[in-house]
Amino acid sequence: MAHARKTTHSRKTAARGKTSMRGSAKRATPKRWSQRVTKESDALDLMQGVFKLASAKKIAASLKRSAEHSSRRKTGAYRSALSMLTFYINRAGKTLPKTQRSRLERAKVELKRAFGRE
């Protein structure tokens, strides 16, 4: 039994060693991968600061424009635009101010309206 405990302990130690190696490898990649996805998405070329615009209608219009002009998206324009908006809301999580979150949720409704999917 004592041997089994040592094995478990050594596995944990080995796992920790791997984790620390992963940590150092992670530093070579951008710290905020979600920010990189938002900026360099294969689906859409977004206007800089689109999610910080003052109006839900402007956010929806910009996302629609980006989705319709994209030649790299793999699905419909509406779905691409809505996916990017949802991705941004989800990744921001609890750090997103309530006013901005509500504006982005209204932008979803405006996006639906802009694409005629009411």
Protein backbone atom coordinates (compact mmCIF):
# COMPACT_ATOMS: atom_id res chain seq x y z
CA MET A 1 0.00 0.00 0.00
CA ALA A 2 2.79 2.39 0.82
CA HIS A 3 4.17 1.72 -2.64
CA ALA A 4 0.84 2.69 -4.21
CA ARG A 5 0.89 5.98 -2.35
CA LYS A 6 4.38 6.74 -3.59
CA THR A 7 3.31 6.01 -7.14
CA THR A 8 0.34 8.33 -6.79
CA HIS A 9 2.55 10.99 -5.26
CA SER A 10 5.10 10.67 -8.02
CA ARG A 11 2.34 10.89 -10.64
CA LYS A 12 1.14 14.11 -9.09
CA THR A 13 4.68 15.44 -9.04
CA ALA A 14 5.15 14.43 -12.66
CA ALA A 15 1.86 16.09 -13.58
CA ARG A 16 2.97 19.27 -11.84
CA GLY A 17 6.18 19.20 -13.82
CA LYS A 18 4.20 19.01 -17.05
CA THR A 19 1.93 21.81 -15.95
CA SER A 20 4.85 24.09 -15.26
CA MET A 21 6.27 23.27 -18.67
CA ARG A 22 2.91 24.12 -20.24
CA GLY A 23 2.87 27.38 -18.35
CA SER A 24 6.17 28.44 -19.85
CA ALA A 25 5.04 27.37 -23.30
CA LYS A 26 1.85 29.38 -22.89
CA ARG A 27 3.80 32.58 -22.40
CA ALA A 28 5.05 32.35 -25.96
CA THR A 29 1.46 32.66 -27.25
CA PRO A 30 -0.66 35.80 -26.83
CA LYS A 31 -2.00 36.16 -23.31
CA ARG A 32 -5.55 36.93 -24.40
CA TRP A 33 -6.47 34.39 -27.07
CA SER A 34 -10.06 35.63 -27.18
CA GLN A 35 -8.83 39.10 -28.11
CA ARG A 36 -6.78 37.58 -30.91
CA VAL A 37 -9.84 35.66 -32.16
CA THR A 38 -11.91 38.83 -32.17
CA LYS A 39 -9.25 40.74 -34.11
CA GLU A 40 -8.06 38.01 -36.48
CA SER A 41 -11.17 35.92 -37.03
CA ASP A 42 -11.29 33.90 -40.22
CA ALA A 43 -14.98 34.65 -40.48
CA LEU A 44 -15.17 38.42 -40.12
CA ASP A 45 -12.99 41.50 -40.43
CA LEU A 46 -14.43 43.60 -37.63
CA MET A 47 -14.20 47.34 -37.32
CA GLN A 48 -11.91 48.26 -34.44
CA GLY A 49 -13.91 48.96 -31.27
CA VAL A 50 -17.17 47.66 -32.73
CA PHE A 51 -18.33 46.20 -29.40
CA LYS A 52 -17.72 49.49 -27.63
CA LEU A 53 -19.95 51.59 -29.90
CA ALA A 54 -22.56 53.71 -28.10
CA SER A 55 -25.61 52.34 -29.87
CA ALA A 56 -26.94 48.79 -30.26
CA LYS A 57 -28.09 49.69 -33.79
CA LYS A 58 -24.58 50.80 -34.76
CA ILE A 59 -23.07 47.60 -33.38
CA ALA A 60 -25.60 45.50 -35.30
CA ALA A 61 -25.07 47.49 -38.51
CA SER A 62 -21.30 47.14 -38.28
CA LEU A 63 -21.49 43.39 -37.63
CA LYS A 64 -23.92 42.98 -40.54
CA ARG A 65 -21.64 44.95 -42.86
CA SER A 66 -18.62 42.89 -41.82
CA ALA A 67 -20.46 39.59 -42.23
CA GLU A 68 -21.88 40.43 -45.63
CA HIS A 69 -18.54 41.62 -47.00
CA SER A 70 -16.56 38.66 -45.69
CA SER A 71 -15.44 36.13 -48.27
CA ARG A 72 -13.93 33.78 -45.68
CA ARG A 73 -16.95 32.95 -43.56
CA LYS A 74 -18.12 29.36 -43.58
CA THR A 75 -21.79 29.95 -42.79
CA GLY A 76 -24.48 32.56 -43.44
CA ALA A 77 -23.88 36.23 -42.71
CA TYR A 78 -26.46 36.37 -39.91
CA ARG A 79 -25.04 33.35 -38.14
CA SER A 80 -21.47 34.63 -38.41
CA ALA A 81 -22.37 38.05 -37.04
CA LEU A 82 -24.44 36.62 -34.19
CA SER A 83 -21.72 34.10 -33.34
CA MET A 84 -19.08 36.82 -33.05
CA LEU A 85 -21.35 38.94 -30.86
CA THR A 86 -22.19 36.00 -28.60
CA PHE A 87 -18.52 35.01 -28.44
CA TYR A 88 -17.57 38.49 -27.26
CA ILE A 89 -20.30 38.55 -24.59
CA ASN A 90 -19.41 35.10 -23.30
CA ARG A 91 -15.66 35.70 -23.18
CA ALA A 92 -16.04 39.02 -21.38
CA GLY A 93 -18.00 37.21 -18.67
CA LYS A 94 -18.40 38.96 -15.33
CA THR A 95 -15.96 41.73 -16.23
CA LEU A 96 -18.39 43.22 -18.76
CA PRO A 97 -20.20 46.23 -17.25
CA LYS A 98 -23.97 45.80 -17.01
CA THR A 99 -24.65 48.78 -19.27
CA GLN A 100 -22.42 47.39 -22.00
CA ARG A 101 -23.85 43.88 -21.59
CA SER A 102 -27.40 45.19 -21.98
CA ARG A 103 -26.33 47.21 -25.04
CA LEU A 104 -24.81 44.08 -26.59
CA GLU A 105 -27.92 42.04 -25.78
CA ARG A 106 -30.01 44.75 -27.51
CA ALA A 107 -27.58 44.52 -30.44
CA LYS A 108 -28.58 40.86 -30.82
CA VAL A 109 -32.20 41.94 -31.23
CA GLU A 110 -31.18 44.69 -33.67
CA LEU A 111 -29.08 42.20 -35.64
CA LYS A 112 -32.07 39.89 -35.90
CA ARG A 113 -34.18 42.82 -37.11
CA ALA A 114 -31.49 43.95 -39.60
CA PHE A 115 -31.45 40.51 -41.19
CA GLY A 116 -35.26 40.33 -41.26
CA ARG A 117 -35.48 37.43 -38.81
CA GLU A 118 -37.96 38.86 -36.31
